[in-house]
Amino acid sequence: MALILSWLPLALWAAPPQIAPAQDLAADARDMRARGIVMLVLFSQAGCQWCERARTEVLVPLQGNPDSRQRVILREVALDRDTPLSDFAGRRTSHRRFAAGEGARVTPTLIVYGPDGARLAEPIVGFRLADFYAEYVNRAIEEGLARIRAPSRGN
C-alpha cells in the first residue's frame, strides 16, 4: 500500500501529454519531404477548453499511435504567445505572427500542411461534433497525404 501511495503525488503533479510546440518548420519540412508525410498543426491559446479536448481526446492519442508516425507530424502553435519560430521558408517569426499570417483566429484550428508549407486540406475550425472530430482529423490527414502523393500534372 505504501508503494502505491508513494507514486500518487507524482501522478497528480505530472503534466498532461502535449503536442510538441512548433520551433523550426523548415527542418520539419525536410523531414516530411524525406518521409513522404504531412504536418498537422494545432493552433491554440491559453484557457481554451476546446483546445484541451482536441489535444487530449484526439491529437495526443494520434501522436502516440505508431501507425500515425508514418503519416503525420503534429505541432502546436499558440496564437497568444510570442514564442520564437522559424517558418517553412526558414524565416524567423513568432507563434503569434505565424498564426496571424495563417488566419488562425478561432481556437482550436487544425491545418494540414505539406513539406512546402502549402495547406493540403480544409482547416478544421472549432471542436464541432465531438463524436466525429477524430474522423474529421483523419480525413484531413488522408486528403493531405493523397495530395502530396499524387503524380504531378506537369510531368
C-alpha atoms as a PDB file:
ATOM      1  CA  MET A   1       0.000   0.000   0.000  1.00  0.00           C
ATOM      2  CA  ALA A   2       2.846   2.396   0.848  1.00  0.00           C
ATOM      3  CA  LEU A   3       4.360   1.752  -2.592  1.00  0.00           C
ATOM      4  CA  ILE A   4       1.104   2.697  -4.320  1.00  0.00           C
ATOM      5  CA  LEU A   5       0.745   5.849  -2.256  1.00  0.00           C
ATOM      6  CA  SER A   6       4.377   6.814  -2.882  1.00  0.00           C
ATOM      7  CA  TRP A   7       3.775   7.409  -6.613  1.00  0.00           C
ATOM      8  CA  LEU A   8       0.353   9.035  -6.174  1.00  0.00           C
ATOM      9  CA  PRO A   9       1.670  12.595  -5.590  1.00  0.00           C
ATOM     10  CA  LEU A  10       3.867  12.327  -8.680  1.00  0.00           C
ATOM     11  CA  ALA A  11       0.928  11.170 -10.788  1.00  0.00           C
ATOM     12  CA  LEU A  12      -1.178  14.081  -9.573  1.00  0.00           C
ATOM     13  CA  TRP A  13       1.535  16.602 -10.492  1.00  0.00           C
ATOM     14  CA  ALA A  14       2.542  15.020 -13.794  1.00  0.00           C
ATOM     15  CA  ALA A  15       1.925  17.293 -16.756  1.00  0.00           C
ATOM     16  CA  PRO A  16      -0.656  16.072 -19.230  1.00  0.00           C
ATOM     17  CA  PRO A  17       0.738  14.804 -22.552  1.00  0.00           C
ATOM     18  CA  GLN A  18       1.342  17.606 -25.013  1.00  0.00           C
ATOM     19  CA  ILE A  19       1.866  18.218 -28.700  1.00  0.00           C
ATOM     20  CA  ALA A  20       5.377  19.475 -29.496  1.00  0.00           C
ATOM     21  CA  PRO A  21       5.390  23.237 -29.977  1.00  0.00           C
ATOM     22  CA  ALA A  22       6.441  24.370 -33.439  1.00  0.00           C
ATOM     23  CA  GLN A  23      10.053  25.579 -33.432  1.00  0.00           C
ATOM     24  CA  ASP A  24      11.608  25.012 -36.851  1.00  0.00           C
ATOM     25  CA  LEU A  25       9.040  24.293 -39.543  1.00  0.00           C
ATOM     26  CA  ALA A  26      11.730  24.334 -42.265  1.00  0.00           C
ATOM     27  CA  ALA A  27      13.553  21.453 -40.534  1.00  0.00           C
ATOM     28  CA  ASP A  28      10.233  19.662 -40.049  1.00  0.00           C
ATOM     29  CA  ALA A  29       9.532  20.188 -43.764  1.00  0.00           C
ATOM     30  CA  ARG A  30      12.787  18.492 -44.739  1.00  0.00           C
ATOM     31  CA  ASP A  31      11.821  15.523 -42.550  1.00  0.00           C
ATOM     32  CA  MET A  32       8.321  15.458 -44.044  1.00  0.00           C
ATOM     33  CA  ARG A  33       9.696  15.507 -47.601  1.00  0.00           C
ATOM     34  CA  ALA A  34      12.143  12.686 -46.865  1.00  0.00           C
ATOM     35  CA  ARG A  35       9.436  10.547 -45.267  1.00  0.00           C
ATOM     36  CA  GLY A  36       6.532  11.446 -47.590  1.00  0.00           C
ATOM     37  CA  ILE A  37       4.302  12.631 -44.751  1.00  0.00           C
ATOM     38  CA  VAL A  38       2.278  15.716 -43.801  1.00  0.00           C
ATOM     39  CA  MET A  39       2.109  18.005 -40.774  1.00  0.00           C
ATOM     40  CA  LEU A  40      -0.976  18.710 -38.687  1.00  0.00           C
ATOM     41  CA  VAL A  41      -0.747  21.974 -36.732  1.00  0.00           C
ATOM     42  CA  LEU A  42      -2.989  22.721 -33.772  1.00  0.00           C
ATOM     43  CA  PHE A  43      -3.479  26.480 -33.379  1.00  0.00           C
ATOM     44  CA  SER A  44      -4.399  27.004 -29.733  1.00  0.00           C
ATOM     45  CA  GLN A  45      -4.437  29.579 -26.957  1.00  0.00           C
ATOM     46  CA  ALA A  46      -4.255  29.587 -23.178  1.00  0.00           C
ATOM     47  CA  GLY A  47      -7.504  28.782 -21.397  1.00  0.00           C
ATOM     48  CA  CYS A  48      -9.130  27.211 -24.453  1.00  0.00           C
ATOM     49  CA  GLN A  49     -11.115  24.247 -23.113  1.00  0.00           C
ATOM     50  CA  TRP A  50     -11.893  23.068 -26.658  1.00  0.00           C
ATOM     51  CA  CYS A  51      -8.173  23.069 -27.475  1.00  0.00           C
ATOM     52  CA  GLU A  52      -7.577  20.889 -24.445  1.00  0.00           C
ATOM     53  CA  ARG A  53     -10.309  18.482 -25.535  1.00  0.00           C
ATOM     54  CA  ALA A  54      -8.924  18.302 -29.074  1.00  0.00           C
ATOM     55  CA  ARG A  55      -5.445  17.718 -27.669  1.00  0.00           C
ATOM     56  CA  THR A  56      -6.312  15.076 -25.056  1.00  0.00           C
ATOM     57  CA  GLU A  57      -9.143  13.248 -26.803  1.00  0.00           C
ATOM     58  CA  VAL A  58      -7.809  13.130 -30.364  1.00  0.00           C
ATOM     59  CA  LEU A  59      -4.342  14.558 -31.015  1.00  0.00           C
ATOM     60  CA  VAL A  60      -2.259  13.048 -28.213  1.00  0.00           C
ATOM     61  CA  PRO A  61      -3.686   9.552 -28.906  1.00  0.00           C
ATOM     62  CA  LEU A  62      -2.998  10.113 -32.625  1.00  0.00           C
ATOM     63  CA  GLN A  63       0.563  11.189 -31.819  1.00  0.00           C
ATOM     64  CA  GLY A  64       1.065   8.069 -29.687  1.00  0.00           C
ATOM     65  CA  ASN A  65      -0.129   5.693 -32.400  1.00  0.00           C
ATOM     66  CA  PRO A  66       2.890   4.106 -34.166  1.00  0.00           C
ATOM     67  CA  ASP A  67       0.976   3.922 -37.467  1.00  0.00           C
ATOM     68  CA  SER A  68       0.298   7.657 -37.328  1.00  0.00           C
ATOM     69  CA  ARG A  69       4.012   8.437 -37.116  1.00  0.00           C
ATOM     70  CA  GLN A  70       4.285   7.059 -40.652  1.00  0.00           C
ATOM     71  CA  ARG A  71       1.654   9.569 -41.848  1.00  0.00           C
ATOM     72  CA  VAL A  72       1.855  12.809 -39.915  1.00  0.00           C
ATOM     73  CA  ILE A  73       3.946  15.110 -37.698  1.00  0.00           C
ATOM     74  CA  LEU A  74       1.977  17.042 -35.071  1.00  0.00           C
ATOM     75  CA  ARG A  75       2.946  20.517 -33.936  1.00  0.00           C
ATOM     76  CA  GLU A  76       1.241  23.203 -31.860  1.00  0.00           C
ATOM     77  CA  VAL A  77       1.259  26.960 -32.407  1.00  0.00           C
ATOM     78  CA  ALA A  78      -0.010  29.225 -29.612  1.00  0.00           C
ATOM     79  CA  LEU A  79      -1.637  32.249 -31.214  1.00  0.00           C
ATOM     80  CA  ASP A  80      -1.371  34.203 -27.954  1.00  0.00           C
ATOM     81  CA  ARG A  81       2.386  33.698 -27.415  1.00  0.00           C
ATOM     82  CA  ASP A  82       5.495  35.277 -28.850  1.00  0.00           C
ATOM     83  CA  THR A  83       7.486  32.036 -28.762  1.00  0.00           C
ATOM     84  CA  PRO A  84      10.213  32.129 -31.461  1.00  0.00           C
ATOM     85  CA  LEU A  85       9.570  30.062 -34.573  1.00  0.00           C
ATOM     86  CA  SER A  86      11.157  29.508 -37.979  1.00  0.00           C
ATOM     87  CA  ASP A  87       8.505  29.245 -40.674  1.00  0.00           C
ATOM     88  CA  PHE A  88       8.501  26.811 -43.611  1.00  0.00           C
ATOM     89  CA  ALA A  89      10.874  29.095 -45.557  1.00  0.00           C
ATOM     90  CA  GLY A  90      13.255  29.310 -42.593  1.00  0.00           C
ATOM     91  CA  ARG A  91      12.338  32.923 -41.742  1.00  0.00           C
ATOM     92  CA  ARG A  92      12.349  33.885 -38.051  1.00  0.00           C
ATOM     93  CA  THR A  93       8.935  34.793 -36.676  1.00  0.00           C
ATOM     94  CA  SER A  94       6.840  34.016 -33.616  1.00  0.00           C
ATOM     95  CA  HIS A  95       3.901  31.777 -32.876  1.00  0.00           C
ATOM     96  CA  ARG A  96       1.603  34.836 -32.704  1.00  0.00           C
ATOM     97  CA  ARG A  97       2.785  36.282 -36.062  1.00  0.00           C
ATOM     98  CA  PHE A  98       2.731  32.898 -37.802  1.00  0.00           C
ATOM     99  CA  ALA A  99      -0.838  32.225 -36.593  1.00  0.00           C
ATOM    100  CA  ALA A 100      -1.959  35.687 -37.711  1.00  0.00           C
ATOM    101  CA  GLY A 101      -0.379  35.142 -41.123  1.00  0.00           C
ATOM    102  CA  GLU A 102      -2.233  31.842 -41.443  1.00  0.00           C
ATOM    103  CA  GLY A 103      -5.522  33.483 -40.461  1.00  0.00           C
ATOM    104  CA  ALA A 104      -5.907  31.317 -37.357  1.00  0.00           C
ATOM    105  CA  ARG A 105      -8.113  33.438 -35.123  1.00  0.00           C
ATOM    106  CA  VAL A 106     -10.501  30.855 -33.667  1.00  0.00           C
ATOM    107  CA  THR A 107      -9.191  28.076 -31.468  1.00  0.00           C
ATOM    108  CA  PRO A 108      -8.797  25.254 -31.870  1.00  0.00           C
ATOM    109  CA  THR A 109      -7.942  25.378 -35.551  1.00  0.00           C
ATOM    110  CA  LEU A 110      -6.226  22.420 -37.219  1.00  0.00           C
ATOM    111  CA  ILE A 111      -4.415  22.826 -40.536  1.00  0.00           C
ATOM    112  CA  VAL A 112      -2.687  20.127 -42.604  1.00  0.00           C
ATOM    113  CA  TYR A 113       0.482  21.279 -44.385  1.00  0.00           C
ATOM    114  CA  GLY A 114       2.735  19.719 -46.966  1.00  0.00           C
ATOM    115  CA  PRO A 115       6.537  19.905 -46.989  1.00  0.00           C
ATOM    116  CA  ASP A 116       6.422  23.155 -48.968  1.00  0.00           C
ATOM    117  CA  GLY A 117       4.173  24.824 -46.383  1.00  0.00           C
ATOM    118  CA  ALA A 118       1.066  24.652 -48.576  1.00  0.00           C
ATOM    119  CA  ARG A 119      -2.276  23.832 -46.999  1.00  0.00           C
ATOM    120  CA  LEU A 120      -3.478  20.454 -48.176  1.00  0.00           C
ATOM    121  CA  ALA A 121      -6.981  20.223 -46.706  1.00  0.00           C
ATOM    122  CA  GLU A 122      -9.743  22.496 -45.493  1.00  0.00           C
ATOM    123  CA  PRO A 123      -8.909  23.772 -41.975  1.00  0.00           C
ATOM    124  CA  ILE A 124     -10.869  22.248 -39.104  1.00  0.00           C
ATOM    125  CA  VAL A 125     -12.093  25.220 -37.093  1.00  0.00           C
ATOM    126  CA  GLY A 126     -13.501  24.700 -33.608  1.00  0.00           C
ATOM    127  CA  PHE A 127     -14.305  21.460 -31.877  1.00  0.00           C
ATOM    128  CA  ARG A 128     -17.532  20.509 -33.566  1.00  0.00           C
ATOM    129  CA  LEU A 129     -19.399  17.265 -33.174  1.00  0.00           C
ATOM    130  CA  ALA A 130     -17.054  15.652 -30.692  1.00  0.00           C
ATOM    131  CA  ASP A 131     -18.194  12.157 -31.706  1.00  0.00           C
ATOM    132  CA  PHE A 132     -16.865  12.745 -35.233  1.00  0.00           C
ATOM    133  CA  TYR A 133     -13.890  15.019 -34.552  1.00  0.00           C
ATOM    134  CA  ALA A 134     -11.309  12.224 -34.820  1.00  0.00           C
ATOM    135  CA  GLU A 135     -12.811  11.241 -38.170  1.00  0.00           C
ATOM    136  CA  TYR A 136     -12.567  14.837 -39.444  1.00  0.00           C
ATOM    137  CA  VAL A 137      -8.915  14.888 -38.413  1.00  0.00           C
ATOM    138  CA  ASN A 138      -8.194  11.539 -40.066  1.00  0.00           C
ATOM    139  CA  ARG A 139      -9.900  12.623 -43.297  1.00  0.00           C
ATOM    140  CA  ALA A 140      -7.894  15.856 -43.414  1.00  0.00           C
ATOM    141  CA  ILE A 141      -4.644  13.913 -42.947  1.00  0.00           C
ATOM    142  CA  GLU A 142      -5.628  11.406 -45.651  1.00  0.00           C
ATOM    143  CA  GLU A 143      -6.561  14.231 -48.026  1.00  0.00           C
ATOM    144  CA  GLY A 144      -3.173  15.822 -47.423  1.00  0.00           C
ATOM    145  CA  LEU A 145      -1.330  12.557 -47.988  1.00  0.00           C
ATOM    146  CA  ALA A 146      -3.249  11.930 -51.212  1.00  0.00           C
ATOM    147  CA  ARG A 147      -2.313  15.389 -52.475  1.00  0.00           C
ATOM    148  CA  ILE A 148       1.420  15.035 -51.799  1.00  0.00           C
ATOM    149  CA  ARG A 149       1.494  11.532 -53.247  1.00  0.00           C
ATOM    150  CA  ALA A 150      -0.489  12.359 -56.397  1.00  0.00           C
ATOM    151  CA  PRO A 151       1.617  12.431 -59.568  1.00  0.00           C
ATOM    152  CA  SER A 152       2.405  15.929 -60.689  1.00  0.00           C
ATOM    153  CA  ARG A 153       0.368  17.007 -63.735  1.00  0.00           C
ATOM    154  CA  GLY A 154       3.244  18.896 -65.327  1.00  0.00           C
ATOM    155  CA  ASN A 155       5.337  15.748 -65.949  1.00  0.00           C
END
